[in-house]
Amino acid sequence: MAYVLETALYQSPIGPLRLVEEADGPVVVEFPGRSNRVRWTVQVRGATPTIEVRESGCDQTRALLDAYFEGRPRPFRYPRRLARWFDPSPAMIAVHRAICRIPFGSTRSYADIARQTGLHPRLVGQLVGANNLAILVPCHRVVGKRGELVGYGGGLSRKRWLLAHEERHAGLVLR
């Protein structure tokens, strides 16, 4: 079995993002300095897979990010296929899917996500921090209990920018 991964650097309004994509779509969107957090565990039955990595366009991921930064995000569902690469726990999948349901221009607290998923807020915090698809799985929309900006792998200044960007464009979102 062989897999091809594309990788590219995307210049966003908040700085460069490292993209990794497979034929089915995004695998990683990360800020520089975060790559050591990604733990790859290819889950394949049978023979050891061949993985080819190419510096390329990552066109699907770029299109999603371009739409986001233009203020017209496309819906993104946490894909089941990511289990092939990262072996996410059921709790991680639940948290990341809950985050994907937070509307553009809105926020939810860690406690809100904990209530929604039935998990402890500290575990929710850890799982939010383990997000390997920055912006697409919009963990920047998760805030403290009183709405304060806390914890973001890209830095609080980027989190602040992303939330302000969404606030400016929330009225333009096509549903």
C-alpha atoms as a PDB file:
ATOM      1  CA  MET A   1       0.000   0.000   0.000  1.00  0.00           C
ATOM      2  CA  ALA A   2       1.312   3.456  -0.887  1.00  0.00           C
ATOM      3  CA  TYR A   3       0.279   6.908   0.283  1.00  0.00           C
ATOM      4  CA  VAL A   4       1.253  10.239  -1.195  1.00  0.00           C
ATOM      5  CA  LEU A   5       1.341  13.287   1.041  1.00  0.00           C
ATOM      6  CA  GLU A   6       1.771  16.801  -0.283  1.00  0.00           C
ATOM      7  CA  THR A   7       3.338  19.499   1.847  1.00  0.00           C
ATOM      8  CA  ALA A   8       3.494  23.242   1.331  1.00  0.00           C
ATOM      9  CA  LEU A   9       4.002  26.500   3.146  1.00  0.00           C
ATOM     10  CA  TYR A  10       0.949  28.781   3.109  1.00  0.00           C
ATOM     11  CA  GLN A  11       1.429  32.503   3.663  1.00  0.00           C
ATOM     12  CA  SER A  12      -1.584  33.617   5.695  1.00  0.00           C
ATOM     13  CA  PRO A  13      -2.421  37.049   7.110  1.00  0.00           C
ATOM     14  CA  ILE A  14      -1.273  35.758  10.514  1.00  0.00           C
ATOM     15  CA  GLY A  15       1.971  34.232   9.336  1.00  0.00           C
ATOM     16  CA  PRO A  16       3.097  31.068   7.589  1.00  0.00           C
ATOM     17  CA  LEU A  17       1.282  27.768   8.043  1.00  0.00           C
ATOM     18  CA  ARG A  18       2.715  24.334   7.216  1.00  0.00           C
ATOM     19  CA  LEU A  19       0.205  22.268   5.243  1.00  0.00           C
ATOM     20  CA  VAL A  20       0.139  18.523   4.735  1.00  0.00           C
ATOM     21  CA  GLU A  21      -2.516  17.022   2.493  1.00  0.00           C
ATOM     22  CA  GLU A  22      -3.456  13.653   1.071  1.00  0.00           C
ATOM     23  CA  ALA A  23      -5.697  12.970  -1.919  1.00  0.00           C
ATOM     24  CA  ASP A  24      -8.787  13.055   0.342  1.00  0.00           C
ATOM     25  CA  GLY A  25      -7.958  16.424   1.872  1.00  0.00           C
ATOM     26  CA  PRO A  26      -6.111  18.153   4.729  1.00  0.00           C
ATOM     27  CA  VAL A  27      -4.038  16.181   7.208  1.00  0.00           C
ATOM     28  CA  VAL A  28      -2.116  18.954   8.997  1.00  0.00           C
ATOM     29  CA  VAL A  29      -2.377  22.740   9.229  1.00  0.00           C
ATOM     30  CA  GLU A  30       0.109  24.000  11.789  1.00  0.00           C
ATOM     31  CA  PHE A  31       1.976  27.071  12.901  1.00  0.00           C
ATOM     32  CA  PRO A  32       5.776  26.937  12.726  1.00  0.00           C
ATOM     33  CA  GLY A  33       7.292  25.375  15.818  1.00  0.00           C
ATOM     34  CA  ARG A  34       4.322  23.085  16.448  1.00  0.00           C
ATOM     35  CA  SER A  35       5.364  20.144  14.236  1.00  0.00           C
ATOM     36  CA  ASN A  36       6.908  18.263  17.143  1.00  0.00           C
ATOM     37  CA  ARG A  37       3.389  17.949  18.614  1.00  0.00           C
ATOM     38  CA  VAL A  38       2.108  15.861  15.722  1.00  0.00           C
ATOM     39  CA  ARG A  39       2.496  12.155  16.422  1.00  0.00           C
ATOM     40  CA  TRP A  40       2.167  10.160  13.234  1.00  0.00           C
ATOM     41  CA  THR A  41       0.947   6.584  13.559  1.00  0.00           C
ATOM     42  CA  VAL A  42      -0.093   5.224  10.206  1.00  0.00           C
ATOM     43  CA  GLN A  43      -2.871   2.720  10.820  1.00  0.00           C
ATOM     44  CA  VAL A  44      -2.855   0.183   8.010  1.00  0.00           C
ATOM     45  CA  ARG A  45      -3.842  -3.448   8.118  1.00  0.00           C
ATOM     46  CA  GLY A  46      -1.411  -5.763   6.456  1.00  0.00           C
ATOM     47  CA  ALA A  47       1.856  -4.676   4.880  1.00  0.00           C
ATOM     48  CA  THR A  48       3.843  -1.653   5.980  1.00  0.00           C
ATOM     49  CA  PRO A  49       2.803   1.238   3.745  1.00  0.00           C
ATOM     50  CA  THR A  50       5.056   3.288   1.521  1.00  0.00           C
ATOM     51  CA  ILE A  51       4.678   7.002   2.197  1.00  0.00           C
ATOM     52  CA  GLU A  52       5.892   9.484  -0.389  1.00  0.00           C
ATOM     53  CA  VAL A  53       6.064  13.148   0.640  1.00  0.00           C
ATOM     54  CA  ARG A  54       6.116  15.789  -2.093  1.00  0.00           C
ATOM     55  CA  GLU A  55       6.542  19.543  -1.848  1.00  0.00           C
ATOM     56  CA  SER A  56       3.452  20.604  -3.760  1.00  0.00           C
ATOM     57  CA  GLY A  57       0.456  22.898  -3.821  1.00  0.00           C
ATOM     58  CA  CYS A  58      -1.910  21.368  -1.242  1.00  0.00           C
ATOM     59  CA  ASP A  59      -4.694  22.865  -3.357  1.00  0.00           C
ATOM     60  CA  GLN A  60      -7.643  21.537  -1.316  1.00  0.00           C
ATOM     61  CA  THR A  61      -6.281  22.897   1.945  1.00  0.00           C
ATOM     62  CA  ARG A  62      -5.304  26.214   0.336  1.00  0.00           C
ATOM     63  CA  ALA A  63      -8.852  26.608  -1.011  1.00  0.00           C
ATOM     64  CA  LEU A  64     -10.317  26.060   2.465  1.00  0.00           C
ATOM     65  CA  LEU A  65      -7.899  28.547   4.031  1.00  0.00           C
ATOM     66  CA  ASP A  66      -8.358  31.113   1.238  1.00  0.00           C
ATOM     67  CA  ALA A  67     -12.127  30.991   1.758  1.00  0.00           C
ATOM     68  CA  TYR A  68     -11.688  31.369   5.520  1.00  0.00           C
ATOM     69  CA  PHE A  69      -9.389  34.385   5.225  1.00  0.00           C
ATOM     70  CA  GLU A  70     -11.751  35.957   2.670  1.00  0.00           C
ATOM     71  CA  GLY A  71     -14.514  35.761   5.294  1.00  0.00           C
ATOM     72  CA  ARG A  72     -16.531  33.032   3.593  1.00  0.00           C
ATOM     73  CA  PRO A  73     -15.517  29.790   5.287  1.00  0.00           C
ATOM     74  CA  ARG A  74     -16.645  26.458   3.959  1.00  0.00           C
ATOM     75  CA  PRO A  75     -18.002  23.867   6.383  1.00  0.00           C
ATOM     76  CA  PHE A  76     -15.340  21.425   7.527  1.00  0.00           C
ATOM     77  CA  ARG A  77     -16.154  18.161   9.263  1.00  0.00           C
ATOM     78  CA  TYR A  78     -13.497  16.417  11.315  1.00  0.00           C
ATOM     79  CA  PRO A  79     -12.699  13.604   8.882  1.00  0.00           C
ATOM     80  CA  ARG A  80     -12.766   9.974   9.864  1.00  0.00           C
ATOM     81  CA  ARG A  81      -9.795   9.291   7.606  1.00  0.00           C
ATOM     82  CA  LEU A  82      -7.481  11.162   9.994  1.00  0.00           C
ATOM     83  CA  ALA A  83      -7.539   8.037  12.151  1.00  0.00           C
ATOM     84  CA  ARG A  84      -5.254   6.517   9.519  1.00  0.00           C
ATOM     85  CA  TRP A  85      -2.561   9.064  10.417  1.00  0.00           C
ATOM     86  CA  PHE A  86      -2.975   9.984  14.073  1.00  0.00           C
ATOM     87  CA  ASP A  87      -4.880   7.262  15.928  1.00  0.00           C
ATOM     88  CA  PRO A  88      -7.145   9.780  17.694  1.00  0.00           C
ATOM     89  CA  SER A  89      -9.004   8.637  20.772  1.00  0.00           C
ATOM     90  CA  PRO A  90     -12.821   8.681  20.774  1.00  0.00           C
ATOM     91  CA  ALA A  91     -12.576  11.622  23.205  1.00  0.00           C
ATOM     92  CA  MET A  92     -10.379  13.588  20.797  1.00  0.00           C
ATOM     93  CA  ILE A  93     -12.751  12.928  17.915  1.00  0.00           C
ATOM     94  CA  ALA A  94     -15.713  14.055  20.053  1.00  0.00           C
ATOM     95  CA  VAL A  95     -13.963  17.271  21.116  1.00  0.00           C
ATOM     96  CA  HIS A  96     -12.754  18.137  17.626  1.00  0.00           C
ATOM     97  CA  ARG A  97     -16.199  17.486  16.133  1.00  0.00           C
ATOM     98  CA  ALA A  98     -17.756  19.690  18.824  1.00  0.00           C
ATOM     99  CA  ILE A  99     -15.275  22.443  17.951  1.00  0.00           C
ATOM    100  CA  CYS A 100     -16.168  22.140  14.257  1.00  0.00           C
ATOM    101  CA  ARG A 101     -19.803  22.842  15.171  1.00  0.00           C
ATOM    102  CA  ILE A 102     -18.999  26.232  16.738  1.00  0.00           C
ATOM    103  CA  PRO A 103     -20.374  28.752  14.222  1.00  0.00           C
ATOM    104  CA  PHE A 104     -18.082  31.202  12.449  1.00  0.00           C
ATOM    105  CA  GLY A 105     -17.980  34.372  14.549  1.00  0.00           C
ATOM    106  CA  SER A 106     -18.971  32.605  17.794  1.00  0.00           C
ATOM    107  CA  THR A 107     -17.100  31.186  20.765  1.00  0.00           C
ATOM    108  CA  ARG A 108     -17.690  28.435  23.309  1.00  0.00           C
ATOM    109  CA  SER A 109     -15.928  27.821  26.586  1.00  0.00           C
ATOM    110  CA  TYR A 110     -13.954  24.747  27.510  1.00  0.00           C
ATOM    111  CA  ALA A 111     -16.742  24.087  30.038  1.00  0.00           C
ATOM    112  CA  ASP A 112     -19.339  24.260  27.227  1.00  0.00           C
ATOM    113  CA  ILE A 113     -17.394  21.691  25.215  1.00  0.00           C
ATOM    114  CA  ALA A 114     -16.975  19.548  28.341  1.00  0.00           C
ATOM    115  CA  ARG A 115     -20.748  19.557  28.951  1.00  0.00           C
ATOM    116  CA  GLN A 116     -21.432  18.786  25.306  1.00  0.00           C
ATOM    117  CA  THR A 117     -19.025  15.838  25.209  1.00  0.00           C
ATOM    118  CA  GLY A 118     -19.365  14.584  28.796  1.00  0.00           C
ATOM    119  CA  LEU A 119     -15.619  14.994  29.380  1.00  0.00           C
ATOM    120  CA  HIS A 120     -13.694  16.774  32.148  1.00  0.00           C
ATOM    121  CA  PRO A 121     -12.799  20.392  31.208  1.00  0.00           C
ATOM    122  CA  ARG A 122      -9.068  19.742  31.743  1.00  0.00           C
ATOM    123  CA  LEU A 123      -9.168  16.815  29.335  1.00  0.00           C
ATOM    124  CA  VAL A 124     -11.040  19.022  26.882  1.00  0.00           C
ATOM    125  CA  GLY A 125      -8.228  21.586  27.212  1.00  0.00           C
ATOM    126  CA  GLN A 126      -5.599  18.956  26.455  1.00  0.00           C
ATOM    127  CA  LEU A 127      -7.517  17.657  23.444  1.00  0.00           C
ATOM    128  CA  VAL A 128      -8.142  21.152  22.093  1.00  0.00           C
ATOM    129  CA  GLY A 129      -4.393  21.750  22.376  1.00  0.00           C
ATOM    130  CA  ALA A 130      -3.706  18.572  20.388  1.00  0.00           C
ATOM    131  CA  ASN A 131      -5.477  19.957  17.317  1.00  0.00           C
ATOM    132  CA  ASN A 132      -3.400  19.299  14.200  1.00  0.00           C
ATOM    133  CA  LEU A 133      -5.725  21.221  11.862  1.00  0.00           C
ATOM    134  CA  ALA A 134      -5.422  24.834  12.982  1.00  0.00           C
ATOM    135  CA  ILE A 135      -8.184  27.122  11.702  1.00  0.00           C
ATOM    136  CA  LEU A 136     -10.038  24.259   9.951  1.00  0.00           C
ATOM    137  CA  VAL A 137     -10.830  22.726  13.341  1.00  0.00           C
ATOM    138  CA  PRO A 138     -11.346  26.185  14.852  1.00  0.00           C
ATOM    139  CA  CYS A 139      -9.931  25.700  18.326  1.00  0.00           C
ATOM    140  CA  HIS A 140      -9.332  29.466  18.421  1.00  0.00           C
ATOM    141  CA  ARG A 141     -13.106  29.714  19.089  1.00  0.00           C
ATOM    142  CA  VAL A 142     -12.691  27.960  22.445  1.00  0.00           C
ATOM    143  CA  VAL A 143     -12.264  30.464  25.267  1.00  0.00           C
ATOM    144  CA  GLY A 144     -12.204  30.544  29.062  1.00  0.00           C
ATOM    145  CA  LYS A 145     -15.327  30.281  31.201  1.00  0.00           C
ATOM    146  CA  ARG A 146     -15.794  34.069  31.331  1.00  0.00           C
ATOM    147  CA  GLY A 147     -14.928  34.608  27.673  1.00  0.00           C
ATOM    148  CA  GLU A 148     -11.250  35.350  28.303  1.00  0.00           C
ATOM    149  CA  LEU A 149      -8.670  34.346  25.718  1.00  0.00           C
ATOM    150  CA  VAL A 150      -6.630  31.460  27.058  1.00  0.00           C
ATOM    151  CA  GLY A 151      -4.286  28.966  25.462  1.00  0.00           C
ATOM    152  CA  TYR A 152      -3.671  28.826  21.751  1.00  0.00           C
ATOM    153  CA  GLY A 153      -0.875  26.945  20.006  1.00  0.00           C
ATOM    154  CA  GLY A 154      -0.426  29.787  17.536  1.00  0.00           C
ATOM    155  CA  GLY A 155      -0.192  32.368  20.316  1.00  0.00           C
ATOM    156  CA  LEU A 156      -2.839  34.608  21.842  1.00  0.00           C
ATOM    157  CA  SER A 157      -2.171  37.425  19.365  1.00  0.00           C
ATOM    158  CA  ARG A 158      -3.161  35.099  16.511  1.00  0.00           C
ATOM    159  CA  LYS A 159      -6.201  33.892  18.428  1.00  0.00           C
ATOM    160  CA  ARG A 160      -7.256  37.512  18.981  1.00  0.00           C
ATOM    161  CA  TRP A 161      -6.753  38.276  15.260  1.00  0.00           C
ATOM    162  CA  LEU A 162      -8.763  35.214  14.147  1.00  0.00           C
ATOM    163  CA  LEU A 163     -11.688  36.049  16.446  1.00  0.00           C
ATOM    164  CA  ALA A 164     -11.684  39.715  15.341  1.00  0.00           C
ATOM    165  CA  HIS A 165     -11.548  38.573  11.684  1.00  0.00           C
ATOM    166  CA  GLU A 166     -14.573  36.347  12.238  1.00  0.00           C
ATOM    167  CA  GLU A 167     -16.465  39.101  14.046  1.00  0.00           C
ATOM    168  CA  ARG A 168     -15.874  41.458  11.083  1.00  0.00           C
ATOM    169  CA  HIS A 169     -17.071  38.875   8.555  1.00  0.00           C
ATOM    170  CA  ALA A 170     -19.763  36.963  10.497  1.00  0.00           C
ATOM    171  CA  GLY A 171     -22.568  38.797   8.722  1.00  0.00           C
ATOM    172  CA  LEU A 172     -21.167  37.757   5.337  1.00  0.00           C
ATOM    173  CA  VAL A 173     -21.268  34.009   5.913  1.00  0.00           C
ATOM    174  CA  LEU A 174     -23.497  32.177   3.430  1.00  0.00           C
ATOM    175  CA  ARG A 175     -25.457  29.438   5.162  1.00  0.00           C
END
